[in-house]
N, C-alpha and C. Protein backbone atom coordinates (compact mmCIF):
# COMPACT_ATOMS: atom_id res chain seq x y z
N MET A 1 -2.72 -12.36 8.37
CA MET A 1 -2.28 -10.85 8.08
C MET A 1 -2.25 -11.16 6.64
N ASP A 2 -3.33 -10.32 6.14
CA ASP A 2 -3.38 -10.27 4.69
C ASP A 2 -2.41 -8.94 4.11
N PHE A 3 -2.29 -8.67 2.95
CA PHE A 3 -1.20 -7.52 2.47
C PHE A 3 -1.63 -6.15 2.62
N GLU A 4 -3.24 -6.38 2.54
CA GLU A 4 -3.51 -4.89 2.99
C GLU A 4 -3.18 -4.28 4.38
N ASP A 5 -3.46 -5.58 5.10
CA ASP A 5 -3.62 -5.39 6.64
C ASP A 5 -1.84 -4.87 6.93
N GLU A 6 -0.96 -5.78 6.63
CA GLU A 6 0.45 -5.51 6.14
C GLU A 6 0.99 -4.39 5.98
N ILE A 7 0.54 -3.79 5.07
CA ILE A 7 0.53 -2.32 4.34
C ILE A 7 0.01 -1.30 5.58
N ASN A 8 -1.28 -1.50 5.92
CA ASN A 8 -1.59 -0.54 6.95
C ASN A 8 -1.15 -0.32 8.32
N LYS A 9 -0.55 -1.61 8.71
CA LYS A 9 0.58 -1.50 9.67
C LYS A 9 1.65 -0.80 9.39
N VAL A 10 2.53 -1.13 8.14
CA VAL A 10 3.18 -0.14 8.10
C VAL A 10 3.03 1.39 8.05
N VAL A 11 1.75 1.48 7.41
CA VAL A 11 1.35 3.13 7.55
C VAL A 11 1.20 3.77 8.87
N GLU A 12 0.38 2.67 9.69
CA GLU A 12 0.35 3.36 10.92
C GLU A 12 1.43 3.49 11.63
N ASP A 13 2.63 2.46 11.77
CA ASP A 13 3.78 2.66 12.40
C ASP A 13 4.42 3.95 11.81
N TYR A 14 4.56 4.21 10.91
CA TYR A 14 5.08 5.39 10.19
C TYR A 14 4.54 6.90 10.94
N LEU A 15 2.97 6.71 10.69
CA LEU A 15 2.50 8.29 10.99
C LEU A 15 2.37 8.15 12.71
N LYS A 16 2.42 6.71 13.45
CA LYS A 16 2.72 7.10 14.21
C LYS A 16 3.94 7.92 14.89
N ASN A 17 5.05 7.29 14.22
CA ASN A 17 6.33 7.99 14.65
C ASN A 17 6.34 9.43 13.95
N ILE A 18 5.75 9.96 13.07
CA ILE A 18 5.90 11.51 13.04
C ILE A 18 4.61 11.81 13.72
N SER A 19 3.74 11.03 14.54
CA SER A 19 2.95 12.13 15.09
C SER A 19 3.58 12.41 16.82
N GLU A 20 4.58 11.37 16.91
CA GLU A 20 5.19 11.60 18.25
C GLU A 20 6.21 12.24 18.20
N ASP A 21 7.10 12.67 16.84
CA ASP A 21 8.19 13.70 16.73
C ASP A 21 7.80 14.88 16.95
N GLN A 22 7.76 15.42 18.09
CA GLN A 22 7.71 16.86 18.10
C GLN A 22 8.46 17.93 17.25
N ALA A 23 9.76 17.44 17.45
CA ALA A 23 10.98 18.53 16.48
C ALA A 23 10.25 18.43 15.06
N LEU A 24 9.62 17.41 14.58
CA LEU A 24 9.38 17.09 13.03
C LEU A 24 7.68 18.00 12.91
N LEU A 25 6.98 17.70 13.91
CA LEU A 25 5.74 18.62 13.87
C LEU A 25 6.29 19.80 13.82
N ARG A 26 7.06 20.36 14.71
CA ARG A 26 7.07 21.59 14.92
C ARG A 26 7.72 22.42 13.78
N LYS A 27 8.36 21.69 13.05
CA LYS A 27 8.96 22.35 11.70
C LYS A 27 8.67 23.48 10.98
N GLY A 28 9.07 24.30 10.89
CA GLY A 28 8.81 25.45 10.43
C GLY A 28 7.28 26.28 10.88
N LEU A 29 7.02 25.66 12.08
CA LEU A 29 6.12 26.49 12.79
C LEU A 29 6.59 27.39 13.40
N THR A 30 5.88 28.38 13.95
CA THR A 30 5.93 29.44 15.07
C THR A 30 5.24 29.25 16.47
N GLU A 31 5.43 29.84 17.35
CA GLU A 31 4.79 29.75 18.73
C GLU A 31 3.25 29.85 18.49
N LYS A 32 3.29 31.11 17.75
CA LYS A 32 2.20 31.86 17.72
C LYS A 32 0.91 30.91 17.04
N ASN A 33 1.59 29.72 16.02
CA ASN A 33 0.03 28.96 15.35
C ASN A 33 0.47 27.43 15.79
N TRP A 34 1.41 27.52 16.67
CA TRP A 34 1.68 26.05 17.31
C TRP A 34 0.63 25.15 17.99
N HIS A 35 -0.23 25.98 19.15
CA HIS A 35 -1.35 25.52 19.97
C HIS A 35 -2.25 24.94 18.99
N LYS A 36 -2.75 25.84 18.06
CA LYS A 36 -4.27 25.60 17.59
C LYS A 36 -3.70 24.29 16.19
N ILE A 37 -2.39 24.48 15.77
CA ILE A 37 -2.13 23.27 14.72
C ILE A 37 -2.05 21.89 15.77
N GLU A 38 -1.61 22.04 16.61
CA GLU A 38 -1.23 20.88 17.59
C GLU A 38 -2.76 20.05 17.85
N SER A 39 -3.63 21.25 18.16
CA SER A 39 -5.24 20.56 18.31
C SER A 39 -5.91 20.11 17.59
N LEU A 40 -5.49 20.61 16.16
CA LEU A 40 -6.39 20.20 14.96
C LEU A 40 -5.90 18.67 14.69
N PHE A 41 -3.95 18.77 14.99
CA PHE A 41 -3.57 17.39 13.98
C PHE A 41 -4.17 16.45 14.79
N ASP A 42 -4.15 16.24 16.42
CA ASP A 42 -4.65 15.80 17.30
C ASP A 42 -5.90 15.01 16.91
N GLU A 43 -6.68 15.90 16.49
CA GLU A 43 -8.32 15.52 16.13
C GLU A 43 -7.86 14.78 14.80
N ALA A 44 -7.16 15.08 13.90
CA ALA A 44 -7.19 14.35 12.61
C ALA A 44 -6.55 13.08 12.69
N VAL A 45 -5.37 12.76 13.81
CA VAL A 45 -5.16 11.42 14.01
C VAL A 45 -6.37 10.49 14.58
N LYS A 46 -6.77 11.18 15.54
CA LYS A 46 -8.10 10.32 16.22
C LYS A 46 -9.01 9.97 15.19
N LYS A 47 -9.41 10.98 14.40
CA LYS A 47 -10.39 10.48 13.02
C LYS A 47 -9.64 9.47 12.22
N TYR A 48 -8.39 9.56 11.77
CA TYR A 48 -8.03 8.26 11.04
C TYR A 48 -7.84 7.00 11.68
N GLN A 49 -7.62 7.07 13.04
CA GLN A 49 -7.55 5.86 13.77
C GLN A 49 -8.99 5.33 14.10
N GLN A 50 -9.65 6.05 13.81
CA GLN A 50 -11.25 5.48 14.09
C GLN A 50 -11.74 4.95 12.74
N ALA A 51 -10.82 5.09 11.74
CA ALA A 51 -11.33 4.93 9.90
C ALA A 51 -12.37 6.05 9.63
N LEU A 52 -12.77 7.29 10.62
CA LEU A 52 -13.26 8.37 9.82
C LEU A 52 -12.43 9.22 8.76
N TYR A 53 -12.52 8.51 7.81
CA TYR A 53 -11.39 9.08 6.66
C TYR A 53 -12.05 10.63 6.12
N ASP A 54 -13.31 10.80 6.21
CA ASP A 54 -13.94 12.03 5.67
C ASP A 54 -13.72 13.21 6.45
N GLY A 55 -13.31 12.73 8.04
CA GLY A 55 -13.34 13.42 9.09
C GLY A 55 -11.82 13.81 8.75
N CYS A 56 -11.50 12.93 8.86
CA CYS A 56 -9.92 13.50 8.67
C CYS A 56 -9.66 13.96 7.75
N ILE A 57 -10.47 13.86 6.63
CA ILE A 57 -9.63 14.76 5.59
C ILE A 57 -10.07 16.16 5.86
N GLU A 58 -11.36 16.30 6.00
CA GLU A 58 -11.60 17.64 6.32
C GLU A 58 -10.62 18.19 7.50
N THR A 59 -10.30 17.54 8.58
CA THR A 59 -9.45 18.49 9.56
C THR A 59 -8.01 18.62 9.13
N CYS A 60 -7.57 17.88 8.29
CA CYS A 60 -6.43 18.21 7.62
C CYS A 60 -6.62 19.26 6.65
N GLU A 61 -7.44 19.52 6.10
CA GLU A 61 -7.47 20.63 4.99
C GLU A 61 -7.49 21.87 5.74
N GLN A 62 -8.38 21.48 6.89
CA GLN A 62 -8.64 22.89 7.87
C GLN A 62 -7.46 23.28 8.53
N LEU A 63 -6.37 22.34 8.76
CA LEU A 63 -4.99 22.41 9.59
C LEU A 63 -4.41 23.17 8.28
N LEU A 64 -4.49 22.60 7.24
CA LEU A 64 -3.16 23.10 6.03
C LEU A 64 -3.62 24.58 5.30
N THR A 65 -4.62 24.94 5.61
CA THR A 65 -5.06 26.45 5.76
C THR A 65 -4.14 27.06 6.76
N ILE A 66 -3.56 27.05 7.51
CA ILE A 66 -3.20 27.75 8.73
C ILE A 66 -1.54 27.47 8.21
N GLU A 67 -1.20 26.33 7.56
CA GLU A 67 0.01 25.66 7.59
C GLU A 67 0.37 24.76 6.44
N PRO A 68 0.33 25.35 5.29
CA PRO A 68 0.05 24.72 3.98
C PRO A 68 1.02 23.18 3.86
N GLU A 69 2.37 23.70 4.38
CA GLU A 69 3.20 22.44 3.77
C GLU A 69 3.46 21.43 5.19
N HIS A 70 2.46 21.49 6.14
CA HIS A 70 2.86 20.68 7.25
C HIS A 70 3.21 19.15 6.83
N PHE A 71 4.05 18.87 7.23
CA PHE A 71 4.29 17.43 6.26
C PHE A 71 3.62 16.08 6.88
N SER A 72 3.71 16.18 8.42
CA SER A 72 2.73 14.86 8.82
C SER A 72 1.29 15.32 8.69
N THR A 73 0.66 16.36 8.69
CA THR A 73 -0.93 16.28 7.92
C THR A 73 -1.17 15.82 6.92
N LEU A 74 -0.09 16.02 5.91
CA LEU A 74 0.09 15.84 4.37
C LEU A 74 -0.08 14.50 4.35
N CYS A 75 0.91 13.34 5.03
CA CYS A 75 0.80 12.48 5.15
C CYS A 75 -0.63 11.59 5.45
N TYR A 76 -1.00 11.93 6.41
CA TYR A 76 -2.34 11.59 6.88
C TYR A 76 -3.66 11.86 5.64
N LEU A 77 -3.22 13.16 5.12
CA LEU A 77 -4.38 13.59 4.11
C LEU A 77 -4.18 12.38 3.06
N GLY A 78 -3.08 12.47 2.62
CA GLY A 78 -2.67 11.25 1.12
C GLY A 78 -3.38 9.99 1.73
N VAL A 79 -3.03 9.20 2.77
CA VAL A 79 -3.23 8.05 3.13
C VAL A 79 -5.34 7.99 3.22
N SER A 80 -5.68 9.05 3.79
CA SER A 80 -7.02 9.22 3.59
C SER A 80 -7.69 9.20 2.44
N LEU A 81 -6.96 9.97 1.55
CA LEU A 81 -7.68 9.99 0.32
C LEU A 81 -7.42 8.99 -0.18
N TYR A 82 -6.68 7.83 -0.40
CA TYR A 82 -6.23 6.77 -0.82
C TYR A 82 -7.63 6.06 -0.09
N HIS A 83 -7.71 5.63 0.96
CA HIS A 83 -8.82 5.14 1.35
C HIS A 83 -10.29 5.35 0.86
N LYS A 84 -10.30 6.52 0.98
CA LYS A 84 -11.62 7.39 0.01
C LYS A 84 -11.62 6.95 -1.60
N THR A 85 -10.78 6.31 -2.12
CA THR A 85 -10.84 6.23 -3.44
C THR A 85 -10.30 7.47 -4.21
N ASN A 86 -9.83 8.46 -3.53
CA ASN A 86 -9.59 9.44 -4.82
C ASN A 86 -8.32 9.65 -4.90
N TYR A 87 -7.83 8.87 -5.77
CA TYR A 87 -6.72 8.40 -5.79
C TYR A 87 -5.65 9.58 -6.91
N PRO A 88 -6.66 10.00 -7.70
CA PRO A 88 -5.55 11.49 -8.29
C PRO A 88 -5.10 12.57 -7.32
N LEU A 89 -5.96 12.82 -6.35
CA LEU A 89 -5.73 13.78 -5.67
C LEU A 89 -4.60 13.30 -3.97
N ALA A 90 -4.74 11.95 -3.97
CA ALA A 90 -4.06 11.26 -2.92
C ALA A 90 -2.49 11.44 -3.78
N ILE A 91 -2.57 10.95 -4.97
CA ILE A 91 -1.12 10.94 -5.79
C ILE A 91 -0.44 12.56 -5.71
N ASP A 92 -1.11 13.76 -5.93
CA ASP A 92 -0.90 14.68 -5.57
C ASP A 92 -0.29 15.16 -4.47
N VAL A 93 -0.79 14.63 -3.29
CA VAL A 93 -0.61 14.93 -2.01
C VAL A 93 0.91 13.93 -1.75
N LEU A 94 0.58 12.93 -1.87
CA LEU A 94 1.67 11.96 -1.68
C LEU A 94 3.03 12.16 -2.22
N THR A 95 2.92 12.86 -3.62
CA THR A 95 3.83 13.27 -4.05
C THR A 95 4.74 14.68 -3.66
N LYS A 96 4.05 15.27 -2.90
CA LYS A 96 4.43 16.39 -1.96
C LYS A 96 5.14 15.61 -0.73
N CYS A 97 4.50 14.75 -0.23
CA CYS A 97 5.48 14.02 0.78
C CYS A 97 6.62 13.34 0.49
N ILE A 98 6.63 12.86 -0.34
CA ILE A 98 7.79 11.67 -0.98
C ILE A 98 8.71 13.20 -1.28
N LYS A 99 8.34 14.30 -1.86
CA LYS A 99 9.97 15.50 -1.93
C LYS A 99 10.37 15.58 -0.49
N GLU A 100 9.38 15.86 0.30
CA GLU A 100 9.92 15.98 1.78
C GLU A 100 10.60 14.86 2.30
N ASP A 101 10.20 13.62 2.05
CA ASP A 101 10.83 12.70 2.80
C ASP A 101 11.06 11.59 1.67
N PRO A 102 11.82 11.53 0.82
CA PRO A 102 12.14 10.47 -0.43
C PRO A 102 12.68 9.12 0.43
N GLU A 103 12.87 8.80 1.37
CA GLU A 103 13.31 7.50 2.09
C GLU A 103 12.17 6.74 2.76
N ALA A 104 11.47 7.48 2.65
CA ALA A 104 9.78 6.76 3.35
C ALA A 104 9.62 5.63 2.20
N CYS A 105 9.33 4.49 2.66
CA CYS A 105 9.03 3.43 1.64
C CYS A 105 7.78 3.58 1.65
N PHE A 106 6.77 3.52 2.33
CA PHE A 106 5.72 3.36 2.33
C PHE A 106 5.12 4.18 1.38
N LEU A 107 5.84 5.51 1.37
CA LEU A 107 5.01 6.72 0.41
C LEU A 107 4.99 5.97 -0.82
N TRP A 108 6.34 5.74 -1.36
CA TRP A 108 6.34 5.35 -2.74
C TRP A 108 5.41 3.92 -2.75
N GLN A 109 5.28 3.07 -1.98
CA GLN A 109 4.27 2.19 -2.12
C GLN A 109 2.86 2.60 -2.42
N PHE A 110 2.36 3.78 -1.47
CA PHE A 110 1.20 3.90 -1.47
C PHE A 110 0.79 4.68 -3.11
N ARG A 111 1.81 5.60 -3.13
CA ARG A 111 1.51 6.18 -4.64
C ARG A 111 1.33 5.20 -5.44
N GLY A 112 2.73 4.13 -5.60
CA GLY A 112 2.52 3.16 -6.59
C GLY A 112 0.87 2.51 -6.78
N ASP A 113 0.54 2.22 -5.34
CA ASP A 113 -0.89 1.71 -5.10
C ASP A 113 -2.10 2.50 -5.82
N CYS A 114 -1.80 3.76 -5.92
CA CYS A 114 -2.74 4.72 -6.43
C CYS A 114 -2.58 4.72 -7.95
N PHE A 115 -1.41 4.75 -8.27
CA PHE A 115 -1.41 4.37 -9.67
C PHE A 115 -1.92 3.35 -10.17
N ARG A 116 -1.55 2.14 -9.84
CA ARG A 116 -2.04 1.00 -10.11
C ARG A 116 -3.53 0.69 -9.94
N ARG A 117 -4.19 1.34 -9.05
CA ARG A 117 -5.80 1.43 -9.13
C ARG A 117 -6.45 2.30 -10.37
N ILE A 118 -5.76 3.36 -10.79
CA ILE A 118 -6.02 3.92 -12.04
C ILE A 118 -5.75 3.47 -13.40
N GLY A 119 -4.75 2.37 -13.07
CA GLY A 119 -4.71 1.73 -14.55
C GLY A 119 -3.18 2.31 -14.97
N GLU A 120 -2.26 3.30 -14.26
CA GLU A 120 -0.91 3.87 -14.98
C GLU A 120 -0.02 2.79 -14.42
N TYR A 121 -0.39 1.55 -14.57
CA TYR A 121 0.87 0.34 -14.48
C TYR A 121 2.39 0.80 -14.69
N SER A 122 2.49 1.37 -15.65
CA SER A 122 4.03 1.88 -15.80
C SER A 122 4.90 2.81 -14.70
N LYS A 123 3.92 3.78 -14.55
CA LYS A 123 3.92 4.37 -13.00
C LYS A 123 3.85 4.03 -11.96
N SER A 124 3.09 2.81 -11.77
CA SER A 124 3.20 2.27 -10.45
C SER A 124 4.37 1.09 -10.21
N ILE A 125 4.77 0.84 -11.62
CA ILE A 125 6.08 0.08 -11.77
C ILE A 125 7.54 0.88 -10.93
N GLN A 126 7.64 1.75 -11.67
CA GLN A 126 8.16 2.86 -11.14
C GLN A 126 8.64 3.12 -9.52
N ASP A 127 7.08 3.34 -9.21
CA ASP A 127 7.42 3.79 -7.43
C ASP A 127 7.66 2.64 -6.92
N TYR A 128 6.95 1.41 -7.23
CA TYR A 128 7.18 0.08 -6.45
C TYR A 128 8.83 -0.09 -6.70
N GLU A 129 9.56 0.05 -7.63
CA GLU A 129 10.68 -0.55 -7.82
C GLU A 129 11.64 0.42 -6.86
N LYS A 130 11.43 1.55 -6.62
CA LYS A 130 12.00 2.68 -5.55
C LYS A 130 11.50 2.24 -4.62
N ALA A 131 10.52 1.75 -3.74
CA ALA A 131 10.02 1.12 -2.74
C ALA A 131 10.93 0.21 -2.36
N LEU A 132 10.99 -0.91 -3.23
CA LEU A 132 12.10 -2.10 -3.21
C LEU A 132 13.51 -1.61 -3.06
N GLN A 133 13.94 -0.60 -3.42
CA GLN A 133 15.23 -0.11 -3.25
C GLN A 133 15.49 -0.16 -1.77
N LEU A 134 14.35 0.89 -1.21
CA LEU A 134 14.54 1.28 0.21
C LEU A 134 14.34 0.06 1.35
N GLU A 135 13.20 -0.79 0.86
CA GLU A 135 12.83 -1.84 1.76
C GLU A 135 12.45 -2.84 0.78
N GLU A 136 12.68 -4.03 0.80
CA GLU A 136 12.23 -5.38 -0.06
C GLU A 136 11.22 -6.05 0.80
N ASN A 137 9.87 -6.19 0.33
CA ASN A 137 9.22 -6.92 1.26
C ASN A 137 7.98 -7.46 0.16
N GLY A 138 7.42 -8.59 0.64
CA GLY A 138 6.34 -9.22 -0.21
C GLY A 138 5.25 -8.91 -0.76
N SER A 139 5.00 -7.62 -0.06
CA SER A 139 3.61 -6.73 -0.25
C SER A 139 4.05 -5.99 -1.81
N THR A 140 5.23 -5.35 -1.55
CA THR A 140 5.42 -4.47 -2.99
C THR A 140 6.16 -5.61 -4.19
N LEU A 141 6.73 -6.71 -3.73
CA LEU A 141 6.82 -7.49 -5.01
C LEU A 141 5.61 -8.11 -5.70
N ASP A 142 4.28 -8.31 -4.79
CA ASP A 142 3.47 -8.98 -5.32
C ASP A 142 2.71 -7.87 -5.87
N CYS A 143 2.67 -6.34 -5.78
CA CYS A 143 2.01 -5.43 -6.20
C CYS A 143 2.85 -5.16 -7.53
N LEU A 144 4.45 -5.41 -7.55
CA LEU A 144 5.03 -5.14 -8.91
C LEU A 144 4.41 -6.18 -9.66
N ALA A 145 4.42 -7.36 -9.19
CA ALA A 145 3.86 -8.06 -10.22
C ALA A 145 3.05 -7.93 -11.06
N MET A 146 1.73 -7.91 -9.90
CA MET A 146 0.50 -7.67 -11.09
C MET A 146 0.50 -6.14 -11.58
N SER A 147 1.41 -5.08 -11.75
CA SER A 147 1.32 -4.41 -12.62
C SER A 147 2.08 -4.75 -13.84
N GLU A 148 2.97 -5.62 -13.61
CA GLU A 148 4.01 -5.82 -14.98
C GLU A 148 3.01 -6.91 -15.74
N TYR A 149 2.20 -7.90 -14.70
CA TYR A 149 1.01 -8.90 -15.42
C TYR A 149 0.06 -7.95 -16.24
N HIS A 150 -0.63 -6.80 -15.90
CA HIS A 150 -1.27 -5.87 -16.38
C HIS A 150 -0.54 -5.40 -17.87
N LEU A 151 0.47 -5.61 -18.00
CA LEU A 151 0.93 -4.66 -18.76
C LEU A 151 1.59 -5.83 -20.06
N GLY A 152 1.28 -7.36 -19.39
CA GLY A 152 1.85 -8.21 -20.45
C GLY A 152 3.09 -8.71 -20.45
N ASN A 153 3.56 -8.20 -19.11
CA ASN A 153 4.99 -8.33 -19.54
C ASN A 153 5.34 -9.62 -18.80
N LEU A 154 4.73 -10.69 -18.98
CA LEU A 154 4.50 -12.12 -17.94
C LEU A 154 6.02 -12.55 -17.36
N ASN A 155 7.24 -12.51 -18.20
CA ASN A 155 8.29 -13.14 -17.45
C ASN A 155 8.82 -12.33 -16.16
N ASN A 156 8.51 -10.90 -16.57
CA ASN A 156 8.56 -10.08 -14.85
C ASN A 156 7.94 -10.19 -14.20
N ALA A 157 6.42 -10.38 -14.30
CA ALA A 157 5.54 -10.66 -13.56
C ALA A 157 5.85 -11.98 -12.70
N TYR A 158 6.33 -12.94 -13.54
CA TYR A 158 6.38 -14.38 -12.77
C TYR A 158 7.71 -14.33 -12.18
N MET A 159 8.85 -13.46 -12.79
CA MET A 159 10.00 -13.11 -11.56
C MET A 159 9.42 -12.54 -10.47
N TYR A 160 8.91 -11.64 -10.30
CA TYR A 160 8.30 -10.85 -9.07
C TYR A 160 7.71 -11.58 -8.57
N ILE A 161 6.70 -12.35 -8.76
CA ILE A 161 5.88 -13.10 -7.71
C ILE A 161 6.65 -14.22 -7.54
N ASP A 162 7.38 -14.61 -8.02
CA ASP A 162 8.60 -16.01 -7.54
C ASP A 162 9.61 -15.53 -6.38
N LYS A 163 9.97 -14.53 -6.45
CA LYS A 163 10.71 -13.40 -5.41
C LYS A 163 9.63 -12.81 -4.09
N ALA A 164 8.59 -13.02 -4.33
CA ALA A 164 7.58 -12.60 -3.25
C ALA A 164 7.45 -14.02 -2.20
N ILE A 165 7.19 -15.31 -3.16
CA ILE A 165 6.87 -16.43 -2.78
C ILE A 165 7.94 -16.72 -1.66
N SER A 166 9.44 -16.66 -2.12
CA SER A 166 10.40 -16.74 -1.55
C SER A 166 10.49 -15.87 -0.20
N SER A 167 10.03 -14.58 -0.24
CA SER A 167 10.46 -14.07 0.81
C SER A 167 9.01 -13.95 1.87
N GLU A 168 7.84 -14.60 1.50
CA GLU A 168 6.95 -14.17 2.29
C GLU A 168 6.50 -15.54 3.04
N ASN A 169 6.46 -15.84 4.28
CA ASN A 169 6.15 -17.06 4.77
C ASN A 169 5.24 -16.76 5.96
N HIS A 170 4.50 -15.89 5.41
CA HIS A 170 3.24 -15.25 6.81
C HIS A 170 1.89 -15.39 5.74
N SER A 171 1.98 -14.76 4.71
CA SER A 171 0.85 -14.70 4.02
C SER A 171 0.60 -15.92 2.56
N ASP A 172 -0.54 -16.25 2.43
CA ASP A 172 -0.86 -17.38 1.24
C ASP A 172 -0.69 -15.91 -0.20
N ILE A 173 -0.79 -14.81 -0.18
CA ILE A 173 -1.14 -14.16 -0.86
C ILE A 173 -0.27 -14.27 -2.51
N PRO A 174 1.12 -14.65 -2.17
CA PRO A 174 1.99 -14.50 -3.50
C PRO A 174 1.60 -15.84 -4.25
N MET A 175 1.37 -17.08 -3.38
CA MET A 175 0.82 -18.08 -4.33
C MET A 175 -0.08 -17.91 -4.73
N LEU A 176 -1.02 -17.69 -3.91
CA LEU A 176 -2.46 -17.56 -4.50
C LEU A 176 -2.12 -16.56 -6.12
N ARG A 177 -1.74 -15.75 -6.00
CA ARG A 177 -1.54 -14.58 -7.20
C ARG A 177 -1.13 -15.77 -8.61
N LYS A 178 -0.46 -16.27 -7.91
CA LYS A 178 1.27 -17.50 -8.83
C LYS A 178 -0.09 -18.16 -9.80
N ALA A 179 -1.05 -18.80 -8.76
CA ALA A 179 -2.21 -19.67 -9.39
C ALA A 179 -2.83 -18.99 -10.21
N GLN A 180 -3.35 -17.31 -9.94
CA GLN A 180 -4.23 -16.68 -10.84
C GLN A 180 -3.92 -16.40 -11.92
N PHE A 181 -2.52 -15.80 -12.16
CA PHE A 181 -2.21 -16.01 -13.53
C PHE A 181 -2.04 -16.67 -13.98
N LEU A 182 -1.81 -18.08 -13.71
CA LEU A 182 -2.14 -19.15 -14.66
C LEU A 182 -2.75 -19.73 -15.04
N GLU A 183 -4.16 -19.27 -13.99
CA GLU A 183 -5.42 -19.67 -14.52
C GLU A 183 -5.90 -19.02 -15.59
N ALA A 184 -5.66 -17.61 -15.14
CA ALA A 184 -6.32 -16.62 -16.37
C ALA A 184 -5.23 -16.83 -17.58
N GLU A 185 -4.50 -17.54 -17.80
CA GLU A 185 -3.73 -17.77 -19.20
C GLU A 185 -4.22 -19.14 -19.60
N GLY A 186 -5.08 -19.68 -18.73
CA GLY A 186 -5.72 -21.04 -19.41
C GLY A 186 -4.79 -22.35 -18.84
N LYS A 187 -3.83 -22.22 -18.24
CA LYS A 187 -3.06 -23.18 -17.52
C LYS A 187 -3.60 -24.09 -16.69
N ILE A 188 -4.63 -24.48 -16.61
CA ILE A 188 -5.56 -25.27 -15.78
C ILE A 188 -4.68 -26.15 -14.55
N LYS A 189 -4.02 -26.62 -15.43
CA LYS A 189 -3.58 -27.97 -14.35
C LYS A 189 -2.54 -27.52 -13.88
N GLU A 190 -1.30 -26.54 -14.28
CA GLU A 190 -0.61 -26.16 -13.56
C GLU A 190 -1.09 -24.98 -12.42
N ALA A 191 -2.18 -24.43 -13.15
CA ALA A 191 -2.69 -23.41 -11.59
C ALA A 191 -3.26 -24.41 -10.34
N LEU A 192 -3.94 -25.44 -11.06
CA LEU A 192 -4.07 -26.53 -9.79
C LEU A 192 -3.01 -26.97 -9.02
N LEU A 193 -2.11 -27.12 -9.48
CA LEU A 193 -0.99 -28.06 -9.11
C LEU A 193 -0.21 -26.51 -7.88
N GLN A 194 -0.67 -25.45 -8.27
CA GLN A 194 -0.53 -24.11 -7.69
C GLN A 194 -1.01 -24.15 -6.46
N TYR A 195 -2.28 -24.17 -6.55
CA TYR A 195 -3.14 -24.25 -5.72
C TYR A 195 -2.86 -25.19 -4.57
N GLU A 196 -2.32 -26.47 -5.40
CA GLU A 196 -2.26 -27.64 -4.23
C GLU A 196 -1.10 -27.27 -3.36
N LYS A 197 -0.30 -26.55 -4.04
CA LYS A 197 0.99 -26.04 -3.25
C LYS A 197 0.87 -25.03 -2.07
N THR A 198 -0.27 -24.31 -2.62
CA THR A 198 -0.60 -23.51 -1.46
C THR A 198 -0.76 -23.80 -0.09
N VAL A 199 -2.11 -24.97 -0.31
CA VAL A 199 -2.74 -25.48 0.71
C VAL A 199 -1.40 -26.03 1.69
N GLU A 200 -0.54 -26.81 1.08
CA GLU A 200 0.22 -27.85 1.43
C GLU A 200 1.39 -26.49 2.86
N LYS A 201 1.37 -25.48 1.94
CA LYS A 201 2.23 -24.51 3.13
C LYS A 201 1.32 -23.96 4.23
N PHE A 202 -0.02 -23.39 3.40
CA PHE A 202 -1.11 -22.85 4.20
C PHE A 202 -2.21 -23.71 4.18
N PRO A 203 -2.17 -24.40 5.58
CA PRO A 203 -3.73 -25.62 5.45
C PRO A 203 -4.81 -24.85 5.31
N LEU A 204 -4.70 -23.24 5.97
CA LEU A 204 -5.87 -22.43 6.36
C LEU A 204 -6.59 -21.86 5.19
N SER A 205 -5.84 -22.04 3.99
CA SER A 205 -6.06 -21.33 2.64
C SER A 205 -7.61 -21.54 2.28
N GLU A 206 -8.25 -20.95 2.78
CA GLU A 206 -9.81 -21.51 2.24
C GLU A 206 -10.48 -21.47 0.72
N TYR A 207 -9.67 -20.24 0.42
CA TYR A 207 -9.87 -20.14 -1.20
C TYR A 207 -9.22 -20.86 -2.35
N SER A 208 -7.84 -21.32 -1.74
CA SER A 208 -7.28 -22.29 -2.49
C SER A 208 -8.03 -23.60 -2.40
N LYS A 209 -8.69 -24.12 -1.22
CA LYS A 209 -9.10 -25.23 -1.40
C LYS A 209 -10.38 -25.14 -2.19
N ASN A 210 -10.98 -23.98 -2.21
CA ASN A 210 -12.21 -24.13 -2.95
C ASN A 210 -11.99 -24.25 -4.37
N LYS A 211 -10.63 -23.53 -5.03
CA LYS A 211 -10.07 -23.29 -6.24
C LYS A 211 -9.59 -25.06 -6.61
N ILE A 212 -8.97 -25.55 -5.54
CA ILE A 212 -8.83 -26.92 -6.29
C ILE A 212 -10.09 -27.56 -6.48
N ILE A 213 -11.28 -27.51 -5.66
CA ILE A 213 -12.05 -28.56 -5.87
C ILE A 213 -13.13 -28.01 -7.46
N GLU A 214 -12.88 -26.65 -7.55
CA GLU A 214 -13.38 -26.01 -9.05
C GLU A 214 -12.79 -26.59 -9.94
N LEU A 215 -11.40 -26.54 -10.15
CA LEU A 215 -10.68 -26.39 -10.95
C LEU A 215 -10.74 -28.14 -11.35
N THR A 216 -10.56 -29.03 -10.11
CA THR A 216 -10.36 -30.42 -10.20
C THR A 216 -11.73 -30.91 -11.62
N TYR A 217 -13.07 -30.72 -11.14
CA TYR A 217 -14.08 -30.45 -11.84
C TYR A 217 -14.43 -30.27 -13.04
N LYS A 218 -13.32 -28.88 -13.47
CA LYS A 218 -13.60 -28.02 -14.52
C LYS A 218 -13.18 -28.83 -15.67
C-alpha cells in the first residue's frame, strides 16, 4: 500500500463513520427536510465510492442548496474537489469542515495536500504540523518533508524524512524520497546507497532496483 492508498483509506474510514452517525447527519436538521437530504446524501456517497467525483460534487451541491452547512456533505464535497484537482475550492470547503471538526486529522492532511499541490508550501507545512499533533504517521511526515524541501529547508526536510523512515514499515516511499532528495542535490553515491538500503528492506521495490542500475552506470 502506497501513501496515496493509505491516505484514501483513512479518508474512507472517516467518511464512513460520519455517514453512519445518524445523530451527526441529523444535526441542525428538521424532520421536514431530513428525508430528502438523506436520499441525496446516500446518492452522493454511492457516487464517491464509485469514484464518480463529478457526480458526487453535483449531488453534494444540490444537497447544500437545501442545507448549506451540512457537515458530512461538505466533507465529501471537499475530498471530491481534491480528486478533481480543484484545489482552491477544495481548500475553501475543507476549511469549513475544519472549523466544524478541528480534531479530524485527515482534514488538516488533505488541506495541506491542496496547499502543497498549488505551491503554497508554508501553508501546507502549518497544516501538516497540525495533523501530526493529532496523529503521527509516515504519510504526513513524508508530505511535510517534501514541503520543507521545496522551500529549501534541507535540514528540516531530512529530519522529517528520517522520522518517516523510522515510523514506516509497510511502504518504501520514505526511503525512496530520501534517495530522491540526495539525487536531486547531485549526491549520487549517497543516493545510490540509499536506494540499495531500500531494496534491502523492501526487496520488491522495482523503482529502487531500476535506479540502482541507472546510477551505477551514470
